[in-house]
All heavy atoms as atom14 arrays in JSON, in Angstrom:
{
  "sequence": "DLVFPVAGNDWWLFDDKLLAVGHFDDTGRV",
  "atom14_mask": [
    [1, 1, 1, 1, 1, 1, 1, 1, 0, 0, 0, 0, 0, 0],
    [1, 1, 1, 1, 1, 1, 1, 1, 0, 0, 0, 0, 0, 0],
    [1, 1, 1, 1, 1, 1, 1, 0, 0, 0, 0, 0, 0, 0],
    [1, 1, 1, 1, 1, 1, 1, 1, 1, 1, 1, 0, 0, 0],
    [1, 1, 1, 1, 1, 1, 1, 0, 0, 0, 0, 0, 0, 0],
    [1, 1, 1, 1, 1, 1, 1, 0, 0, 0, 0, 0, 0, 0],
    [1, 1, 1, 1, 1, 0, 0, 0, 0, 0, 0, 0, 0, 0],
    [1, 1, 1, 1, 0, 0, 0, 0, 0, 0, 0, 0, 0, 0],
    [1, 1, 1, 1, 1, 1, 1, 1, 0, 0, 0, 0, 0, 0],
    [1, 1, 1, 1, 1, 1, 1, 1, 0, 0, 0, 0, 0, 0],
    [1, 1, 1, 1, 1, 1, 1, 1, 1, 1, 1, 1, 1, 1],
    [1, 1, 1, 1, 1, 1, 1, 1, 1, 1, 1, 1, 1, 1],
    [1, 1, 1, 1, 1, 1, 1, 1, 0, 0, 0, 0, 0, 0],
    [1, 1, 1, 1, 1, 1, 1, 1, 1, 1, 1, 0, 0, 0],
    [1, 1, 1, 1, 1, 1, 1, 1, 0, 0, 0, 0, 0, 0],
    [1, 1, 1, 1, 1, 1, 1, 1, 0, 0, 0, 0, 0, 0],
    [1, 1, 1, 1, 1, 1, 1, 1, 1, 0, 0, 0, 0, 0],
    [1, 1, 1, 1, 1, 1, 1, 1, 0, 0, 0, 0, 0, 0],
    [1, 1, 1, 1, 1, 1, 1, 1, 0, 0, 0, 0, 0, 0],
    [1, 1, 1, 1, 1, 0, 0, 0, 0, 0, 0, 0, 0, 0],
    [1, 1, 1, 1, 1, 1, 1, 0, 0, 0, 0, 0, 0, 0],
    [1, 1, 1, 1, 0, 0, 0, 0, 0, 0, 0, 0, 0, 0],
    [1, 1, 1, 1, 1, 1, 1, 1, 1, 1, 0, 0, 0, 0],
    [1, 1, 1, 1, 1, 1, 1, 1, 1, 1, 1, 0, 0, 0],
    [1, 1, 1, 1, 1, 1, 1, 1, 0, 0, 0, 0, 0, 0],
    [1, 1, 1, 1, 1, 1, 1, 1, 0, 0, 0, 0, 0, 0],
    [1, 1, 1, 1, 1, 1, 1, 0, 0, 0, 0, 0, 0, 0],
    [1, 1, 1, 1, 0, 0, 0, 0, 0, 0, 0, 0, 0, 0],
    [1, 1, 1, 1, 1, 1, 1, 1, 1, 1, 1, 0, 0, 0],
    [1, 1, 1, 1, 1, 1, 1, 0, 0, 0, 0, 0, 0, 0]
  ],
  "atom14_positions": [
    [[20.12, -7.89, -15.96], [20.08, -6.62, -15.24], [18.66, -6.14, -14.92], [18.48, -5.03, -14.43], [20.85, -5.55, -16.0], [20.32, -5.34, -17.42], [19.56, -6.19, -17.91], [20.67, -4.31, -18.03], [0.0, 0.0, 0.0], [0.0, 0.0, 0.0], [0.0, 0.0, 0.0], [0.0, 0.0, 0.0], [0.0, 0.0, 0.0], [0.0, 0.0, 0.0]],
    [[17.67, -6.97, -15.17], [16.29, -6.57, -14.92], [16.03, -6.43, -13.42], [16.34, -7.34, -12.64], [15.31, -7.6, -15.5], [13.83, -7.32, -15.26], [13.39, -6.04, -15.96], [12.98, -8.49, -15.71], [0.0, 0.0, 0.0], [0.0, 0.0, 0.0], [0.0, 0.0, 0.0], [0.0, 0.0, 0.0], [0.0, 0.0, 0.0], [0.0, 0.0, 0.0]],
    [[15.48, -5.3, -13.05], [15.08, -5.06, -11.66], [13.56, -4.94, -11.65], [13.0, -4.1, -12.36], [15.73, -3.78, -11.1], [15.2, -3.49, -9.7], [17.24, -3.89, -11.12], [0.0, 0.0, 0.0], [0.0, 0.0, 0.0], [0.0, 0.0, 0.0], [0.0, 0.0, 0.0], [0.0, 0.0, 0.0], [0.0, 0.0, 0.0], [0.0, 0.0, 0.0]],
    [[12.92, -5.8, -10.89], [11.47, -5.74, -10.81], [11.04, -4.59, -9.92], [11.57, -4.42, -8.82], [10.89, -7.05, -10.26], [10.84, -8.14, -11.28], [11.84, -9.1, -11.36], [9.78, -8.22, -12.17], [11.8, -10.1, -12.3], [9.73, -9.22, -13.13], [10.74, -10.16, -13.19], [0.0, 0.0, 0.0], [0.0, 0.0, 0.0], [0.0, 0.0, 0.0]],
    [[10.07, -3.81, -10.38], [9.57, -2.72, -9.53], [8.77, -3.27, -8.36], [8.5, -4.47, -8.29], [8.67, -1.92, -10.48], [8.39, -2.81, -11.63], [9.44, -3.87, -11.67], [0.0, 0.0, 0.0], [0.0, 0.0, 0.0], [0.0, 0.0, 0.0], [0.0, 0.0, 0.0], [0.0, 0.0, 0.0], [0.0, 0.0, 0.0], [0.0, 0.0, 0.0]],
    [[8.41, -2.41, -7.47], [7.6, -2.69, -6.28], [8.1, -3.92, -5.51], [7.32, -4.78, -5.09], [6.08, -2.76, -6.57], [5.58, -1.42, -7.07], [5.71, -3.85, -7.57], [0.0, 0.0, 0.0], [0.0, 0.0, 0.0], [0.0, 0.0, 0.0], [0.0, 0.0, 0.0], [0.0, 0.0, 0.0], [0.0, 0.0, 0.0], [0.0, 0.0, 0.0]],
    [[9.41, -3.96, -5.35], [10.08, -5.0, -4.54], [9.8, -6.42, -5.03], [9.86, -7.36, -4.25], [9.71, -4.84, -3.07], [0.0, 0.0, 0.0], [0.0, 0.0, 0.0], [0.0, 0.0, 0.0], [0.0, 0.0, 0.0], [0.0, 0.0, 0.0], [0.0, 0.0, 0.0], [0.0, 0.0, 0.0], [0.0, 0.0, 0.0], [0.0, 0.0, 0.0]],
    [[9.48, -6.56, -6.31], [9.25, -7.89, -6.86], [7.9, -8.49, -6.55], [7.63, -9.64, -6.89], [0.0, 0.0, 0.0], [0.0, 0.0, 0.0], [0.0, 0.0, 0.0], [0.0, 0.0, 0.0], [0.0, 0.0, 0.0], [0.0, 0.0, 0.0], [0.0, 0.0, 0.0], [0.0, 0.0, 0.0], [0.0, 0.0, 0.0], [0.0, 0.0, 0.0]],
    [[7.01, -7.74, -5.94], [5.66, -8.22, -5.64], [4.85, -8.35, -6.93], [5.15, -7.7, -7.93], [4.93, -7.27, -4.68], [5.5, -7.31, -3.29], [5.76, -8.37, -2.75], [5.7, -6.14, -2.71], [0.0, 0.0, 0.0], [0.0, 0.0, 0.0], [0.0, 0.0, 0.0], [0.0, 0.0, 0.0], [0.0, 0.0, 0.0], [0.0, 0.0, 0.0]],
    [[3.8, -9.18, -6.89], [2.86, -9.23, -8.01], [2.18, -7.87, -8.12], [1.93, -7.21, -7.1], [1.78, -10.29, -7.76], [2.28, -11.71, -7.99], [3.43, -11.88, -8.42], [1.5, -12.64, -7.74], [0.0, 0.0, 0.0], [0.0, 0.0, 0.0], [0.0, 0.0, 0.0], [0.0, 0.0, 0.0], [0.0, 0.0, 0.0], [0.0, 0.0, 0.0]],
    [[1.86, -7.48, -9.34], [1.15, -6.21, -9.53], [0.26, -6.27, -10.75], [0.43, -7.11, -11.63], [2.13, -5.04, -9.63], [3.35, -5.25, -10.46], [4.57, -5.71, -10.02], [3.5, -5.04, -11.87], [5.44, -5.77, -11.07], [4.83, -5.37, -12.22], [2.65, -4.59, -12.88], [5.33, -5.26, -13.51], [3.14, -4.5, -14.17], [4.46, -4.83, -14.47]],
    [[-0.7, -5.36, -10.75], [-1.69, -5.28, -11.81], [-1.79, -3.82, -12.25], [-1.96, -2.93, -11.43], [-3.05, -5.76, -11.32], [-3.03, -7.18, -10.87], [-3.37, -8.28, -11.63], [-2.67, -7.69, -9.59], [-3.21, -9.43, -10.89], [-2.78, -9.1, -9.63], [-2.22, -7.1, -8.41], [-2.48, -9.91, -8.54], [-1.93, -7.92, -7.33], [-2.06, -9.3, -7.42]],
    [[-1.7, -3.6, -13.56], [-1.83, -2.26, -14.12], [-3.23, -2.08, -14.68], [-3.76, -2.97, -15.33], [-0.84, -2.07, -15.28], [0.59, -1.73, -14.93], [1.47, -1.88, -16.17], [0.69, -0.33, -14.37], [0.0, 0.0, 0.0], [0.0, 0.0, 0.0], [0.0, 0.0, 0.0], [0.0, 0.0, 0.0], [0.0, 0.0, 0.0], [0.0, 0.0, 0.0]],
    [[-3.79, -0.91, -14.45], [-5.11, -0.58, -14.99], [-4.96, 0.66, -15.86], [-4.65, 1.75, -15.36], [-6.12, -0.34, -13.86], [-6.3, -1.54, -12.98], [-5.54, -1.7, -11.83], [-7.21, -2.53, -13.31], [-5.69, -2.81, -11.03], [-7.37, -3.65, -12.53], [-6.6, -3.8, -11.38], [0.0, 0.0, 0.0], [0.0, 0.0, 0.0], [0.0, 0.0, 0.0]],
    [[-5.16, 0.46, -17.17], [-5.09, 1.56, -18.15], [-3.76, 2.32, -18.08], [-3.71, 3.51, -18.41], [-6.27, 2.52, -17.98], [-7.61, 1.85, -18.25], [-7.64, 0.93, -19.1], [-8.6, 2.23, -17.61], [0.0, 0.0, 0.0], [0.0, 0.0, 0.0], [0.0, 0.0, 0.0], [0.0, 0.0, 0.0], [0.0, 0.0, 0.0], [0.0, 0.0, 0.0]],
    [[-2.71, 1.66, -17.65], [-1.37, 2.25, -17.54], [-1.36, 3.52, -16.68], [-0.48, 4.37, -16.82], [-0.78, 2.56, -18.93], [-0.44, 1.3, -19.7], [-0.59, 0.19, -19.15], [-0.03, 1.42, -20.87], [0.0, 0.0, 0.0], [0.0, 0.0, 0.0], [0.0, 0.0, 0.0], [0.0, 0.0, 0.0], [0.0, 0.0, 0.0], [0.0, 0.0, 0.0]],
    [[-2.33, 3.64, -15.77], [-2.42, 4.82, -14.92], [-2.53, 4.49, -13.44], [-2.18, 5.29, -12.59], [-3.63, 5.66, -15.32], [-3.5, 6.25, -16.69], [-4.73, 7.04, -17.06], [-4.52, 7.57, -18.46], [-5.68, 7.63, -19.25], [0.0, 0.0, 0.0], [0.0, 0.0, 0.0], [0.0, 0.0, 0.0], [0.0, 0.0, 0.0], [0.0, 0.0, 0.0]],
    [[-3.03, 3.3, -13.15], [-3.27, 2.9, -11.77], [-2.63, 1.53, -11.55], [-2.69, 0.66, -12.43], [-4.78, 2.83, -11.51], [-5.23, 2.64, -10.08], [-4.86, 3.85, -9.23], [-6.74, 2.44, -10.04], [0.0, 0.0, 0.0], [0.0, 0.0, 0.0], [0.0, 0.0, 0.0], [0.0, 0.0, 0.0], [0.0, 0.0, 0.0], [0.0, 0.0, 0.0]],
    [[-2.02, 1.36, -10.4], [-1.28, 0.14, -10.09], [-1.77, -0.43, -8.77], [-1.9, 0.29, -7.79], [0.21, 0.48, -9.99], [1.16, -0.65, -9.66], [1.31, -1.58, -10.86], [2.51, -0.09, -9.24], [0.0, 0.0, 0.0], [0.0, 0.0, 0.0], [0.0, 0.0, 0.0], [0.0, 0.0, 0.0], [0.0, 0.0, 0.0], [0.0, 0.0, 0.0]],
    [[-2.05, -1.72, -8.78], [-2.36, -2.44, -7.54], [-1.23, -3.41, -7.27], [-0.86, -4.21, -8.14], [-3.69, -3.18, -7.66], [0.0, 0.0, 0.0], [0.0, 0.0, 0.0], [0.0, 0.0, 0.0], [0.0, 0.0, 0.0], [0.0, 0.0, 0.0], [0.0, 0.0, 0.0], [0.0, 0.0, 0.0], [0.0, 0.0, 0.0], [0.0, 0.0, 0.0]],
    [[-0.65, -3.33, -6.1], [0.47, -4.19, -5.71], [-0.05, -5.2, -4.7], [-0.6, -4.84, -3.66], [1.61, -3.35, -5.09], [2.77, -4.25, -4.69], [2.05, -2.26, -6.03], [0.0, 0.0, 0.0], [0.0, 0.0, 0.0], [0.0, 0.0, 0.0], [0.0, 0.0, 0.0], [0.0, 0.0, 0.0], [0.0, 0.0, 0.0], [0.0, 0.0, 0.0]],
    [[0.13, -6.48, -5.04], [-0.35, -7.54, -4.16], [0.65, -7.87, -3.07], [1.86, -7.83, -3.28], [0.0, 0.0, 0.0], [0.0, 0.0, 0.0], [0.0, 0.0, 0.0], [0.0, 0.0, 0.0], [0.0, 0.0, 0.0], [0.0, 0.0, 0.0], [0.0, 0.0, 0.0], [0.0, 0.0, 0.0], [0.0, 0.0, 0.0], [0.0, 0.0, 0.0]],
    [[0.12, -8.18, -1.91], [0.95, -8.59, -0.78], [0.47, -9.95, -0.28], [-0.74, -10.17, -0.13], [0.89, -7.54, 0.33], [1.45, -6.22, -0.1], [2.79, -5.96, -0.19], [0.83, -5.09, -0.51], [2.98, -4.73, -0.61], [1.8, -4.17, -0.81], [0.0, 0.0, 0.0], [0.0, 0.0, 0.0], [0.0, 0.0, 0.0], [0.0, 0.0, 0.0]],
    [[1.43, -10.83, -0.05], [1.15, -12.21, 0.36], [2.03, -12.56, 1.55], [3.13, -12.02, 1.7], [1.46, -13.18, -0.79], [0.72, -12.86, -2.06], [1.21, -11.93, -2.97], [-0.48, -13.48, -2.34], [0.53, -11.63, -4.13], [-1.19, -13.18, -3.5], [-0.67, -12.25, -4.4], [0.0, 0.0, 0.0], [0.0, 0.0, 0.0], [0.0, 0.0, 0.0]],
    [[1.56, -13.5, 2.36], [2.43, -13.99, 3.43], [3.33, -15.1, 2.89], [3.28, -15.42, 1.7], [1.63, -14.42, 4.66], [0.81, -15.69, 4.47], [1.01, -16.42, 3.48], [-0.03, -15.98, 5.34], [0.0, 0.0, 0.0], [0.0, 0.0, 0.0], [0.0, 0.0, 0.0], [0.0, 0.0, 0.0], [0.0, 0.0, 0.0], [0.0, 0.0, 0.0]],
    [[4.16, -15.67, 3.75], [5.12, -16.69, 3.31], [4.47, -17.96, 2.79], [5.11, -18.74, 2.09], [6.07, -17.04, 4.45], [7.0, -15.89, 4.8], [7.19, -15.0, 3.95], [7.54, -15.88, 5.92], [0.0, 0.0, 0.0], [0.0, 0.0, 0.0], [0.0, 0.0, 0.0], [0.0, 0.0, 0.0], [0.0, 0.0, 0.0], [0.0, 0.0, 0.0]],
    [[3.2, -18.17, 3.1], [2.5, -19.37, 2.61], [1.72, -19.1, 1.34], [1.08, -19.99, 0.81], [1.54, -19.93, 3.68], [0.48, -18.98, 3.89], [2.25, -20.21, 4.99], [0.0, 0.0, 0.0], [0.0, 0.0, 0.0], [0.0, 0.0, 0.0], [0.0, 0.0, 0.0], [0.0, 0.0, 0.0], [0.0, 0.0, 0.0], [0.0, 0.0, 0.0]],
    [[1.74, -17.85, 0.85], [1.02, -17.5, -0.37], [-0.37, -16.96, -0.12], [-1.1, -16.63, -1.05], [0.0, 0.0, 0.0], [0.0, 0.0, 0.0], [0.0, 0.0, 0.0], [0.0, 0.0, 0.0], [0.0, 0.0, 0.0], [0.0, 0.0, 0.0], [0.0, 0.0, 0.0], [0.0, 0.0, 0.0], [0.0, 0.0, 0.0], [0.0, 0.0, 0.0]],
    [[-0.77, -16.83, 1.15], [-2.08, -16.3, 1.48], [-2.12, -14.8, 1.18], [-1.19, -14.07, 1.5], [-2.4, -16.54, 2.96], [-3.81, -16.16, 3.37], [-4.09, -16.56, 4.81], [-3.14, -16.0, 5.74], [-3.31, -14.84, 6.39], [-4.41, -14.14, 6.22], [-2.39, -14.39, 7.21], [0.0, 0.0, 0.0], [0.0, 0.0, 0.0], [0.0, 0.0, 0.0]],
    [[-3.18, -14.36, 0.53], [-3.33, -12.95, 0.15], [-3.54, -12.1, 1.4], [-4.43, -12.36, 2.21], [-4.52, -12.77, -0.82], [-4.73, -11.3, -1.14], [-4.31, -13.58, -2.09], [0.0, 0.0, 0.0], [0.0, 0.0, 0.0], [0.0, 0.0, 0.0], [0.0, 0.0, 0.0], [0.0, 0.0, 0.0], [0.0, 0.0, 0.0], [0.0, 0.0, 0.0]]
  ]
}
């Protein structure tokens, strides 16, 4: 039943206060 936040994109947490969500194209290019 796990639902990944931010549409399943990769993400990085900073000090549990700031979030960076990565976006990639279909080939994995950032």
